[in-house]
Amino acid sequence: MKVIDFGLAKQFTPGVNMKTKAGTPYYVAPQVLAGAYDEKCDIWSCGVIAYILLCGYPPFFGDKDEDILKAVKKGYFDFPSPDWDAITPQAKDLITQMLTHDPVKRPSAEKMLEHKWLELQADQPSGTIKSNLGSKLRKFTGVSKLKKVALTVIATELNEDAIAELKNTFNILDANKDGTLTMREIEEGMKKFEVDLPKDMQATLKALDTDGSGSIDYTEFIAATLSKQQYLKKEVLWSAFRTFDKNGDGKISRTELAVMVGGKDDGSSSSALEKQVEQMMKECDLDGDGEISWAEFYKMMDPSGDGIAPEMKA
């Protein structure tokens, strides 16, 4: 499953209730309908999704949207036979907790991750961590800013099979299974498997945190640990280039570059962003024309090559 529709997502501030009444009737939490809710509305929605995945139909239903919403407000649901006869008590308990009507009593995401059913059913990473992990992470810190962004783009587009080993390494290190890595998790994981830590570990991990979140997410980790064999393929690099080249004219402009690093597509940007874009341009715009061509992009990604970019067509 993939989480989509971030047009309705909101940056949540702890202690400050959200008020916008938005959502899909089957999945929306009762508190959203009341117009005062916190982040636990998502726990409810995940509980609905889990219910549907296990039986094939929603816990709250009706012939019309208004009937569904009435059922949601009441919050009553059950596990009807025979559909739920083969489902374990632990799974039913997980859903019951997630669909707790009172949000104060509804468990947090962190608490739910400790639930026995998830502990028993979730895939457990196995294996070890390669001895060159530390050197890979350290090497990434010396990569140019634009190349880091490009590698992050590539990390999101590569087939899961191509990065299975890196994904497993991430899961081994992610002790609390929250989808991000803290400095402590990485250090403890590397020590556990007797992998040498970079001497400047703190600076190394700070450089890996490309979005400034304070921790390293899955995509950042994959980007930092990709091998040249994985990303130095002309089809992979061309796909990444096309992601930057929004208008398809074969060049990456300053505006397009700004959009890729968090700016707006109307050309407006902050002074900090402008400096970042200017630095990236200097790193890659070899002929100084104010744009990055496919050949220049390819040279940045493969500086040790012959400098001749393979011809690619749209």
C-alpha atoms as a PDB file:
ATOM      1  CA  MET A   1       0.000   0.000   0.000  1.00  0.00           C
ATOM      2  CA  LYS A   2       1.097   3.570  -0.650  1.00  0.00           C
ATOM      3  CA  VAL A   3      -0.027   6.673   1.215  1.00  0.00           C
ATOM      4  CA  ILE A   4      -1.366   9.251  -1.247  1.00  0.00           C
ATOM      5  CA  ASP A   5      -3.447  12.461  -1.369  1.00  0.00           C
ATOM      6  CA  PHE A   6      -1.074  14.724   0.534  1.00  0.00           C
ATOM      7  CA  GLY A   7      -3.144  17.667  -0.688  1.00  0.00           C
ATOM      8  CA  LEU A   8      -5.164  17.155   2.507  1.00  0.00           C
ATOM      9  CA  ALA A   9      -2.120  16.619   4.735  1.00  0.00           C
ATOM     10  CA  LYS A  10      -1.288  19.138   7.462  1.00  0.00           C
ATOM     11  CA  GLN A  11       1.746  19.902   9.580  1.00  0.00           C
ATOM     12  CA  PHE A  12       0.500  19.104  13.079  1.00  0.00           C
ATOM     13  CA  THR A  13       1.487  21.175  16.108  1.00  0.00           C
ATOM     14  CA  PRO A  14       1.176  19.157  19.362  1.00  0.00           C
ATOM     15  CA  GLY A  15      -1.399  20.665  21.685  1.00  0.00           C
ATOM     16  CA  VAL A  16      -3.153  22.623  18.939  1.00  0.00           C
ATOM     17  CA  ASN A  17      -6.326  21.004  17.600  1.00  0.00           C
ATOM     18  CA  MET A  18      -6.982  20.866  13.878  1.00  0.00           C
ATOM     19  CA  LYS A  19     -10.426  22.011  12.725  1.00  0.00           C
ATOM     20  CA  THR A  20     -10.853  21.380   8.996  1.00  0.00           C
ATOM     21  CA  LYS A  21     -13.621  18.886   8.318  1.00  0.00           C
ATOM     22  CA  ALA A  22     -12.097  16.869   5.495  1.00  0.00           C
ATOM     23  CA  GLY A  23     -11.812  13.209   4.638  1.00  0.00           C
ATOM     24  CA  THR A  24     -13.477  10.180   3.058  1.00  0.00           C
ATOM     25  CA  PRO A  25     -16.631   8.982   4.878  1.00  0.00           C
ATOM     26  CA  TYR A  26     -15.512   5.368   5.388  1.00  0.00           C
ATOM     27  CA  TYR A  27     -12.151   6.337   6.915  1.00  0.00           C
ATOM     28  CA  VAL A  28     -12.701   9.656   8.688  1.00  0.00           C
ATOM     29  CA  ALA A  29     -12.492   9.766  12.499  1.00  0.00           C
ATOM     30  CA  PRO A  30     -15.512  10.991  14.558  1.00  0.00           C
ATOM     31  CA  GLN A  31     -13.475  13.898  15.933  1.00  0.00           C
ATOM     32  CA  VAL A  32     -12.788  15.198  12.399  1.00  0.00           C
ATOM     33  CA  LEU A  33     -16.536  15.389  11.827  1.00  0.00           C
ATOM     34  CA  ALA A  34     -16.834  17.325  15.096  1.00  0.00           C
ATOM     35  CA  GLY A  35     -14.219  19.815  13.893  1.00  0.00           C
ATOM     36  CA  ALA A  36     -11.693  19.425  16.720  1.00  0.00           C
ATOM     37  CA  TYR A  37      -9.031  16.715  16.493  1.00  0.00           C
ATOM     38  CA  ASP A  38      -5.359  15.868  16.850  1.00  0.00           C
ATOM     39  CA  GLU A  39      -2.930  13.426  15.203  1.00  0.00           C
ATOM     40  CA  LYS A  40      -4.828  10.421  16.581  1.00  0.00           C
ATOM     41  CA  CYS A  41      -7.375  10.860  13.807  1.00  0.00           C
ATOM     42  CA  ASP A  42      -4.837   8.960  11.678  1.00  0.00           C
ATOM     43  CA  ILE A  43      -4.786   6.055  14.129  1.00  0.00           C
ATOM     44  CA  TRP A  44      -8.537   5.698  13.623  1.00  0.00           C
ATOM     45  CA  SER A  45      -8.166   5.792   9.817  1.00  0.00           C
ATOM     46  CA  CYS A  46      -5.408   3.170   9.943  1.00  0.00           C
ATOM     47  CA  GLY A  47      -7.686   1.027  12.080  1.00  0.00           C
ATOM     48  CA  VAL A  48     -10.374   1.218   9.379  1.00  0.00           C
ATOM     49  CA  ILE A  49      -7.821   0.247   6.735  1.00  0.00           C
ATOM     50  CA  ALA A  50      -6.637  -2.716   8.837  1.00  0.00           C
ATOM     51  CA  TYR A  51     -10.247  -3.864   9.299  1.00  0.00           C
ATOM     52  CA  ILE A  52     -10.870  -3.745   5.530  1.00  0.00           C
ATOM     53  CA  LEU A  53      -7.624  -5.573   4.735  1.00  0.00           C
ATOM     54  CA  LEU A  54      -8.601  -8.449   7.019  1.00  0.00           C
ATOM     55  CA  CYS A  55     -12.204  -8.945   5.917  1.00  0.00           C
ATOM     56  CA  GLY A  56     -12.803  -7.023   2.679  1.00  0.00           C
ATOM     57  CA  TYR A  57     -15.424  -4.505   3.837  1.00  0.00           C
ATOM     58  CA  PRO A  58     -15.435  -1.416   6.117  1.00  0.00           C
ATOM     59  CA  PRO A  59     -16.476  -1.396   9.798  1.00  0.00           C
ATOM     60  CA  PHE A  60     -18.815   1.578   9.239  1.00  0.00           C
ATOM     61  CA  PHE A  61     -21.093   1.493   6.212  1.00  0.00           C
ATOM     62  CA  GLY A  62     -24.403   2.669   4.770  1.00  0.00           C
ATOM     63  CA  ASP A  63     -26.295   3.197   1.519  1.00  0.00           C
ATOM     64  CA  LYS A  64     -25.467   6.921   1.438  1.00  0.00           C
ATOM     65  CA  ASP A  65     -22.620   9.081   2.702  1.00  0.00           C
ATOM     66  CA  GLU A  66     -24.823  10.514   5.438  1.00  0.00           C
ATOM     67  CA  ASP A  67     -25.609   6.983   6.678  1.00  0.00           C
ATOM     68  CA  ILE A  68     -21.902   6.132   6.755  1.00  0.00           C
ATOM     69  CA  LEU A  69     -21.114   9.315   8.680  1.00  0.00           C
ATOM     70  CA  LYS A  70     -23.830   8.560  11.234  1.00  0.00           C
ATOM     71  CA  ALA A  71     -22.287   5.142  11.804  1.00  0.00           C
ATOM     72  CA  VAL A  72     -18.827   6.718  12.174  1.00  0.00           C
ATOM     73  CA  LYS A  73     -20.128   9.202  14.763  1.00  0.00           C
ATOM     74  CA  LYS A  74     -21.623   6.357  16.824  1.00  0.00           C
ATOM     75  CA  GLY A  75     -18.387   4.373  16.478  1.00  0.00           C
ATOM     76  CA  TYR A  76     -20.033   0.977  16.958  1.00  0.00           C
ATOM     77  CA  PHE A  77     -18.549  -1.951  15.009  1.00  0.00           C
ATOM     78  CA  ASP A  78     -18.232  -5.708  15.412  1.00  0.00           C
ATOM     79  CA  PHE A  79     -16.451  -8.728  13.952  1.00  0.00           C
ATOM     80  CA  PRO A  80     -19.254 -10.718  12.260  1.00  0.00           C
ATOM     81  CA  SER A  81     -19.075 -14.450  11.674  1.00  0.00           C
ATOM     82  CA  PRO A  82     -17.984 -16.237   9.532  1.00  0.00           C
ATOM     83  CA  ASP A  83     -15.692 -13.561   8.035  1.00  0.00           C
ATOM     84  CA  TRP A  84     -13.831 -12.992  11.292  1.00  0.00           C
ATOM     85  CA  ASP A  85     -13.819 -16.525  12.669  1.00  0.00           C
ATOM     86  CA  ALA A  86     -10.306 -17.259  11.441  1.00  0.00           C
ATOM     87  CA  ILE A  87      -8.862 -13.908  12.555  1.00  0.00           C
ATOM     88  CA  THR A  88      -6.758 -14.071  15.704  1.00  0.00           C
ATOM     89  CA  PRO A  89      -7.780 -12.340  18.959  1.00  0.00           C
ATOM     90  CA  GLN A  90      -4.571 -10.277  18.758  1.00  0.00           C
ATOM     91  CA  ALA A  91      -5.593  -8.826  15.388  1.00  0.00           C
ATOM     92  CA  LYS A  92      -9.061  -7.985  16.685  1.00  0.00           C
ATOM     93  CA  ASP A  93      -7.521  -6.329  19.740  1.00  0.00           C
ATOM     94  CA  LEU A  94      -5.269  -4.200  17.524  1.00  0.00           C
ATOM     95  CA  ILE A  95      -8.269  -2.919  15.562  1.00  0.00           C
ATOM     96  CA  THR A  96     -10.364  -2.420  18.699  1.00  0.00           C
ATOM     97  CA  GLN A  97      -7.659  -0.239  20.204  1.00  0.00           C
ATOM     98  CA  MET A  98      -7.207   1.791  17.006  1.00  0.00           C
ATOM     99  CA  LEU A  99     -10.960   2.341  16.728  1.00  0.00           C
ATOM    100  CA  THR A 100     -11.310   3.585  20.306  1.00  0.00           C
ATOM    101  CA  HIS A 101     -13.951   6.320  20.083  1.00  0.00           C
ATOM    102  CA  ASP A 102     -12.382   8.566  22.738  1.00  0.00           C
ATOM    103  CA  PRO A 103      -9.150   9.990  21.242  1.00  0.00           C
ATOM    104  CA  VAL A 104      -7.677  10.501  24.710  1.00  0.00           C
ATOM    105  CA  LYS A 105      -7.900   6.752  25.320  1.00  0.00           C
ATOM    106  CA  ARG A 106      -6.896   5.869  21.748  1.00  0.00           C
ATOM    107  CA  PRO A 107      -3.240   4.682  21.715  1.00  0.00           C
ATOM    108  CA  SER A 108      -0.520   6.643  19.964  1.00  0.00           C
ATOM    109  CA  ALA A 109       1.239   5.376  16.828  1.00  0.00           C
ATOM    110  CA  GLU A 110       4.323   4.629  18.907  1.00  0.00           C
ATOM    111  CA  LYS A 111       2.260   2.542  21.324  1.00  0.00           C
ATOM    112  CA  MET A 112       0.508   0.664  18.522  1.00  0.00           C
ATOM    113  CA  LEU A 113       3.864  -0.285  16.977  1.00  0.00           C
ATOM    114  CA  GLU A 114       4.569  -2.230  20.179  1.00  0.00           C
ATOM    115  CA  HIS A 115       1.373  -4.285  19.829  1.00  0.00           C
ATOM    116  CA  LYS A 116       1.828  -8.046  20.068  1.00  0.00           C
ATOM    117  CA  TRP A 117       0.083  -8.781  16.771  1.00  0.00           C
ATOM    118  CA  LEU A 118       2.412  -6.511  14.793  1.00  0.00           C
ATOM    119  CA  GLU A 119       5.374  -7.934  16.665  1.00  0.00           C
ATOM    120  CA  LEU A 120       4.355 -11.475  15.680  1.00  0.00           C
ATOM    121  CA  GLN A 121       3.219 -10.765  12.110  1.00  0.00           C
ATOM    122  CA  ALA A 122       5.670  -8.147  10.835  1.00  0.00           C
ATOM    123  CA  ASP A 123       8.624  -9.261   8.753  1.00  0.00           C
ATOM    124  CA  GLN A 124      11.752  -9.321  10.867  1.00  0.00           C
ATOM    125  CA  PRO A 125      14.980  -8.215   9.172  1.00  0.00           C
ATOM    126  CA  SER A 126      17.732 -10.784   9.260  1.00  0.00           C
ATOM    127  CA  GLY A 127      21.354 -10.913   8.214  1.00  0.00           C
ATOM    128  CA  THR A 128      24.174  -8.536   8.947  1.00  0.00           C
ATOM    129  CA  ILE A 129      25.528  -5.112   8.014  1.00  0.00           C
ATOM    130  CA  LYS A 130      28.306  -4.849   5.454  1.00  0.00           C
ATOM    131  CA  SER A 131      31.660  -3.673   6.759  1.00  0.00           C
ATOM    132  CA  ASN A 132      31.828  -0.806   4.242  1.00  0.00           C
ATOM    133  CA  LEU A 133      28.691   0.936   5.542  1.00  0.00           C
ATOM    134  CA  GLY A 134      30.687   3.521   7.508  1.00  0.00           C
ATOM    135  CA  SER A 135      32.870   4.431   4.527  1.00  0.00           C
ATOM    136  CA  LYS A 136      29.788   4.707   2.294  1.00  0.00           C
ATOM    137  CA  LEU A 137      28.100   7.110   4.689  1.00  0.00           C
ATOM    138  CA  ARG A 138      31.247   9.183   5.089  1.00  0.00           C
ATOM    139  CA  LYS A 139      31.826   9.346   1.323  1.00  0.00           C
ATOM    140  CA  PHE A 140      28.317  10.675   0.798  1.00  0.00           C
ATOM    141  CA  THR A 141      29.102  13.715   2.960  1.00  0.00           C
ATOM    142  CA  GLY A 142      31.658  14.854   0.389  1.00  0.00           C
ATOM    143  CA  VAL A 143      29.218  14.624  -2.516  1.00  0.00           C
ATOM    144  CA  SER A 144      28.009  17.906  -4.044  1.00  0.00           C
ATOM    145  CA  LYS A 145      24.593  19.214  -2.981  1.00  0.00           C
ATOM    146  CA  LEU A 146      23.080  18.720  -6.419  1.00  0.00           C
ATOM    147  CA  LYS A 147      24.357  15.156  -6.638  1.00  0.00           C
ATOM    148  CA  LYS A 148      22.796  14.419  -3.232  1.00  0.00           C
ATOM    149  CA  VAL A 149      19.434  15.637  -4.515  1.00  0.00           C
ATOM    150  CA  ALA A 150      19.861  13.604  -7.712  1.00  0.00           C
ATOM    151  CA  LEU A 151      20.712  10.456  -5.739  1.00  0.00           C
ATOM    152  CA  THR A 152      17.653  11.021  -3.573  1.00  0.00           C
ATOM    153  CA  VAL A 153      15.494  11.215  -6.701  1.00  0.00           C
ATOM    154  CA  ILE A 154      17.077   7.994  -7.985  1.00  0.00           C
ATOM    155  CA  ALA A 155      16.506   6.296  -4.619  1.00  0.00           C
ATOM    156  CA  THR A 156      12.756   6.924  -4.909  1.00  0.00           C
ATOM    157  CA  GLU A 157      12.583   5.534  -8.455  1.00  0.00           C
ATOM    158  CA  LEU A 158      14.675   2.363  -8.256  1.00  0.00           C
ATOM    159  CA  ASN A 159      12.876  -0.968  -8.224  1.00  0.00           C
ATOM    160  CA  GLU A 160      12.519  -2.509  -4.747  1.00  0.00           C
ATOM    161  CA  ASP A 161      14.421  -5.596  -5.891  1.00  0.00           C
ATOM    162  CA  ALA A 162      17.395  -3.452  -6.883  1.00  0.00           C
ATOM    163  CA  ILE A 163      17.769  -2.030  -3.371  1.00  0.00           C
ATOM    164  CA  ALA A 164      16.612  -5.050  -1.322  1.00  0.00           C
ATOM    165  CA  GLU A 165      19.933  -5.370   0.521  1.00  0.00           C
ATOM    166  CA  LEU A 166      20.041  -1.664   1.411  1.00  0.00           C
ATOM    167  CA  LYS A 167      16.412  -1.801   2.559  1.00  0.00           C
ATOM    168  CA  ASN A 168      17.221  -4.739   4.828  1.00  0.00           C
ATOM    169  CA  THR A 169      20.186  -2.847   6.308  1.00  0.00           C
ATOM    170  CA  PHE A 170      17.904   0.109   7.043  1.00  0.00           C
ATOM    171  CA  ASN A 171      15.372  -2.171   8.746  1.00  0.00           C
ATOM    172  CA  ILE A 172      18.093  -3.787  10.857  1.00  0.00           C
ATOM    173  CA  LEU A 173      19.235  -0.361  12.073  1.00  0.00           C
ATOM    174  CA  ASP A 174      15.694   0.984  12.619  1.00  0.00           C
ATOM    175  CA  ALA A 175      15.312  -0.464  16.124  1.00  0.00           C
ATOM    176  CA  ASN A 176      11.992   1.216  16.991  1.00  0.00           C
ATOM    177  CA  LYS A 177      10.500   0.702  13.491  1.00  0.00           C
ATOM    178  CA  ASP A 178       9.465   4.343  13.088  1.00  0.00           C
ATOM    179  CA  GLY A 179      10.816   4.635   9.540  1.00  0.00           C
ATOM    180  CA  THR A 180      13.672   6.977  10.485  1.00  0.00           C
ATOM    181  CA  LEU A 181      17.157   6.485  11.867  1.00  0.00           C
ATOM    182  CA  THR A 182      18.582   8.451  14.760  1.00  0.00           C
ATOM    183  CA  MET A 183      22.287   8.830  15.374  1.00  0.00           C
ATOM    184  CA  ARG A 184      21.978   6.485  18.335  1.00  0.00           C
ATOM    185  CA  GLU A 185      20.294   3.759  16.259  1.00  0.00           C
ATOM    186  CA  ILE A 186      22.997   3.897  13.595  1.00  0.00           C
ATOM    187  CA  GLU A 187      25.847   3.912  16.116  1.00  0.00           C
ATOM    188  CA  GLU A 188      24.377   1.052  18.170  1.00  0.00           C
ATOM    189  CA  GLY A 189      23.622  -0.994  15.053  1.00  0.00           C
ATOM    190  CA  MET A 190      27.110  -0.556  13.654  1.00  0.00           C
ATOM    191  CA  LYS A 191      28.700  -1.419  17.001  1.00  0.00           C
ATOM    192  CA  LYS A 192      26.509  -4.513  17.303  1.00  0.00           C
ATOM    193  CA  PHE A 193      27.762  -5.843  13.980  1.00  0.00           C
ATOM    194  CA  GLU A 194      31.326  -4.616  14.616  1.00  0.00           C
ATOM    195  CA  VAL A 195      31.294  -2.161  11.721  1.00  0.00           C
ATOM    196  CA  ASP A 196      33.816   0.678  11.980  1.00  0.00           C
ATOM    197  CA  LEU A 197      32.246   4.032  12.806  1.00  0.00           C
ATOM    198  CA  PRO A 198      33.448   7.155  10.968  1.00  0.00           C
ATOM    199  CA  LYS A 199      35.568   9.293  13.278  1.00  0.00           C
ATOM    200  CA  ASP A 200      33.428  12.347  12.589  1.00  0.00           C
ATOM    201  CA  MET A 201      30.174  10.415  12.999  1.00  0.00           C
ATOM    202  CA  GLN A 202      28.070  13.373  14.130  1.00  0.00           C
ATOM    203  CA  ALA A 203      29.081  15.513  11.143  1.00  0.00           C
ATOM    204  CA  THR A 204      28.562  12.545   8.836  1.00  0.00           C
ATOM    205  CA  LEU A 205      25.009  11.928  10.019  1.00  0.00           C
ATOM    206  CA  LYS A 206      24.178  15.638   9.875  1.00  0.00           C
ATOM    207  CA  ALA A 207      25.230  15.667   6.224  1.00  0.00           C
ATOM    208  CA  LEU A 208      23.010  12.654   5.530  1.00  0.00           C
ATOM    209  CA  ASP A 209      19.970  14.528   6.865  1.00  0.00           C
ATOM    210  CA  THR A 210      19.303  16.317   3.569  1.00  0.00           C
ATOM    211  CA  ASP A 211      15.841  17.615   4.531  1.00  0.00           C
ATOM    212  CA  GLY A 212      16.921  18.953   7.948  1.00  0.00           C
ATOM    213  CA  SER A 213      14.421  16.827   9.899  1.00  0.00           C
ATOM    214  CA  GLY A 214      16.926  15.849  12.601  1.00  0.00           C
ATOM    215  CA  SER A 215      16.881  12.191  11.632  1.00  0.00           C
ATOM    216  CA  ILE A 216      17.641  10.131   8.544  1.00  0.00           C
ATOM    217  CA  ASP A 217      14.650   8.808   6.663  1.00  0.00           C
ATOM    218  CA  TYR A 218      14.501   5.773   4.411  1.00  0.00           C
ATOM    219  CA  THR A 219      15.070   7.641   1.140  1.00  0.00           C
ATOM    220  CA  GLU A 220      18.038   9.591   2.525  1.00  0.00           C
ATOM    221  CA  PHE A 221      19.657   6.371   3.732  1.00  0.00           C
ATOM    222  CA  ILE A 222      19.154   4.611   0.395  1.00  0.00           C
ATOM    223  CA  ALA A 223      20.537   7.636  -1.478  1.00  0.00           C
ATOM    224  CA  ALA A 224      23.647   7.652   0.724  1.00  0.00           C
ATOM    225  CA  THR A 225      24.329   3.937   0.356  1.00  0.00           C
ATOM    226  CA  LEU A 226      23.678   3.413  -3.367  1.00  0.00           C
ATOM    227  CA  SER A 227      26.617   1.944  -5.237  1.00  0.00           C
ATOM    228  CA  LYS A 228      27.872   3.300  -8.560  1.00  0.00           C
ATOM    229  CA  GLN A 229      26.729   0.076 -10.188  1.00  0.00           C
ATOM    230  CA  GLN A 230      23.191   0.935  -9.089  1.00  0.00           C
ATOM    231  CA  TYR A 231      22.978   4.569 -10.152  1.00  0.00           C
ATOM    232  CA  LEU A 232      25.513   4.894 -12.991  1.00  0.00           C
ATOM    233  CA  LYS A 233      23.199   3.475 -15.615  1.00  0.00           C
ATOM    234  CA  LYS A 234      22.227   5.782 -18.444  1.00  0.00           C
ATOM    235  CA  GLU A 235      18.517   4.922 -18.165  1.00  0.00           C
ATOM    236  CA  VAL A 236      18.544   5.613 -14.414  1.00  0.00           C
ATOM    237  CA  LEU A 237      20.407   8.921 -14.817  1.00  0.00           C
ATOM    238  CA  TRP A 238      18.244  10.000 -17.744  1.00  0.00           C
ATOM    239  CA  SER A 239      15.098   9.366 -15.706  1.00  0.00           C
ATOM    240  CA  ALA A 240      16.507  11.483 -12.867  1.00  0.00           C
ATOM    241  CA  PHE A 241      17.465  14.260 -15.310  1.00  0.00           C
ATOM    242  CA  ARG A 242      13.949  14.281 -16.736  1.00  0.00           C
ATOM    243  CA  THR A 243      12.568  14.668 -13.200  1.00  0.00           C
ATOM    244  CA  PHE A 244      14.576  17.891 -12.829  1.00  0.00           C
ATOM    245  CA  ASP A 245      13.808  19.083 -16.369  1.00  0.00           C
ATOM    246  CA  LYS A 246      10.170  19.969 -15.733  1.00  0.00           C
ATOM    247  CA  ASN A 247       9.434  21.578 -19.116  1.00  0.00           C
ATOM    248  CA  GLY A 248      11.297  18.934 -21.118  1.00  0.00           C
ATOM    249  CA  ASP A 249      13.550  21.362 -23.004  1.00  0.00           C
ATOM    250  CA  GLY A 250      16.698  19.347 -22.297  1.00  0.00           C
ATOM    251  CA  LYS A 251      18.061  21.863 -19.763  1.00  0.00           C
ATOM    252  CA  ILE A 252      17.694  22.341 -15.998  1.00  0.00           C
ATOM    253  CA  SER A 253      17.014  25.998 -15.208  1.00  0.00           C
ATOM    254  CA  ARG A 254      17.457  27.803 -11.899  1.00  0.00           C
ATOM    255  CA  THR A 255      13.693  27.817 -11.386  1.00  0.00           C
ATOM    256  CA  GLU A 256      13.429  24.078 -12.022  1.00  0.00           C
ATOM    257  CA  LEU A 257      16.320  23.458  -9.653  1.00  0.00           C
ATOM    258  CA  ALA A 258      14.688  25.621  -6.967  1.00  0.00           C
ATOM    259  CA  VAL A 259      11.443  23.628  -7.248  1.00  0.00           C
ATOM    260  CA  MET A 260      13.381  20.382  -6.740  1.00  0.00           C
ATOM    261  CA  VAL A 261      14.861  21.638  -3.471  1.00  0.00           C
ATOM    262  CA  GLY A 262      11.638  22.949  -1.996  1.00  0.00           C
ATOM    263  CA  GLY A 263      10.920  26.192  -3.826  1.00  0.00           C
ATOM    264  CA  LYS A 264       7.745  27.286  -5.634  1.00  0.00           C
ATOM    265  CA  ASP A 265       7.186  26.891  -9.359  1.00  0.00           C
ATOM    266  CA  ASP A 266       6.223  30.571  -9.749  1.00  0.00           C
ATOM    267  CA  GLY A 267       9.872  31.615  -9.532  1.00  0.00           C
ATOM    268  CA  SER A 268       9.634  33.125  -6.040  1.00  0.00           C
ATOM    269  CA  SER A 269      12.206  31.986  -3.484  1.00  0.00           C
ATOM    270  CA  SER A 270      13.958  32.957  -0.266  1.00  0.00           C
ATOM    271  CA  SER A 271      17.503  34.305  -0.164  1.00  0.00           C
ATOM    272  CA  ALA A 272      18.677  31.078   1.502  1.00  0.00           C
ATOM    273  CA  LEU A 273      17.167  29.013  -1.301  1.00  0.00           C
ATOM    274  CA  GLU A 274      18.675  31.292  -3.927  1.00  0.00           C
ATOM    275  CA  LYS A 275      22.133  30.780  -2.408  1.00  0.00           C
ATOM    276  CA  GLN A 276      21.609  27.019  -2.388  1.00  0.00           C
ATOM    277  CA  VAL A 277      20.540  27.022  -6.041  1.00  0.00           C
ATOM    278  CA  GLU A 278      23.477  29.243  -6.983  1.00  0.00           C
ATOM    279  CA  GLN A 279      25.901  26.854  -5.283  1.00  0.00           C
ATOM    280  CA  MET A 280      24.380  23.899  -7.132  1.00  0.00           C
ATOM    281  CA  MET A 281      24.677  25.763 -10.428  1.00  0.00           C
ATOM    282  CA  LYS A 282      28.363  26.418  -9.807  1.00  0.00           C
ATOM    283  CA  GLU A 283      28.904  22.732  -9.080  1.00  0.00           C
ATOM    284  CA  CYS A 284      27.409  21.576 -12.361  1.00  0.00           C
ATOM    285  CA  ASP A 285      27.093  24.413 -14.903  1.00  0.00           C
ATOM    286  CA  LEU A 286      30.488  23.931 -16.536  1.00  0.00           C
ATOM    287  CA  ASP A 287      30.002  26.326 -19.476  1.00  0.00           C
ATOM    288  CA  GLY A 288      28.443  29.067 -17.311  1.00  0.00           C
ATOM    289  CA  ASP A 289      25.322  29.556 -19.423  1.00  0.00           C
ATOM    290  CA  GLY A 290      23.019  29.508 -16.407  1.00  0.00           C
ATOM    291  CA  GLU A 291      21.517  26.120 -17.214  1.00  0.00           C
ATOM    292  CA  ILE A 292      22.494  22.491 -16.685  1.00  0.00           C
ATOM    293  CA  SER A 293      22.574  20.345 -19.792  1.00  0.00           C
ATOM    294  CA  TRP A 294      22.274  16.551 -19.923  1.00  0.00           C
ATOM    295  CA  ALA A 295      26.020  16.309 -20.609  1.00  0.00           C
ATOM    296  CA  GLU A 296      26.834  18.480 -17.566  1.00  0.00           C
ATOM    297  CA  PHE A 297      24.443  16.495 -15.369  1.00  0.00           C
ATOM    298  CA  TYR A 298      25.992  13.223 -16.517  1.00  0.00           C
ATOM    299  CA  LYS A 299      29.499  14.561 -15.856  1.00  0.00           C
ATOM    300  CA  MET A 300      28.488  15.550 -12.314  1.00  0.00           C
ATOM    301  CA  MET A 301      27.180  12.061 -11.620  1.00  0.00           C
ATOM    302  CA  ASP A 302      30.188  10.347 -13.220  1.00  0.00           C
ATOM    303  CA  PRO A 303      33.182  12.706 -12.780  1.00  0.00           C
ATOM    304  CA  SER A 304      35.673   9.889 -13.266  1.00  0.00           C
ATOM    305  CA  GLY A 305      34.266   8.935 -16.671  1.00  0.00           C
ATOM    306  CA  ASP A 306      35.272  10.210 -20.095  1.00  0.00           C
ATOM    307  CA  GLY A 307      32.866  13.131 -19.819  1.00  0.00           C
ATOM    308  CA  ILE A 308      30.874  12.073 -22.851  1.00  0.00           C
ATOM    309  CA  ALA A 309      27.223  11.620 -21.999  1.00  0.00           C
ATOM    310  CA  PRO A 310      25.377   8.917 -23.911  1.00  0.00           C
ATOM    311  CA  GLU A 311      22.737  10.231 -26.278  1.00  0.00           C
ATOM    312  CA  MET A 312      19.245   9.906 -24.843  1.00  0.00           C
ATOM    313  CA  LYS A 313      15.918  10.672 -26.432  1.00  0.00           C
ATOM    314  CA  ALA A 314      12.617  11.611 -24.858  1.00  0.00           C
END
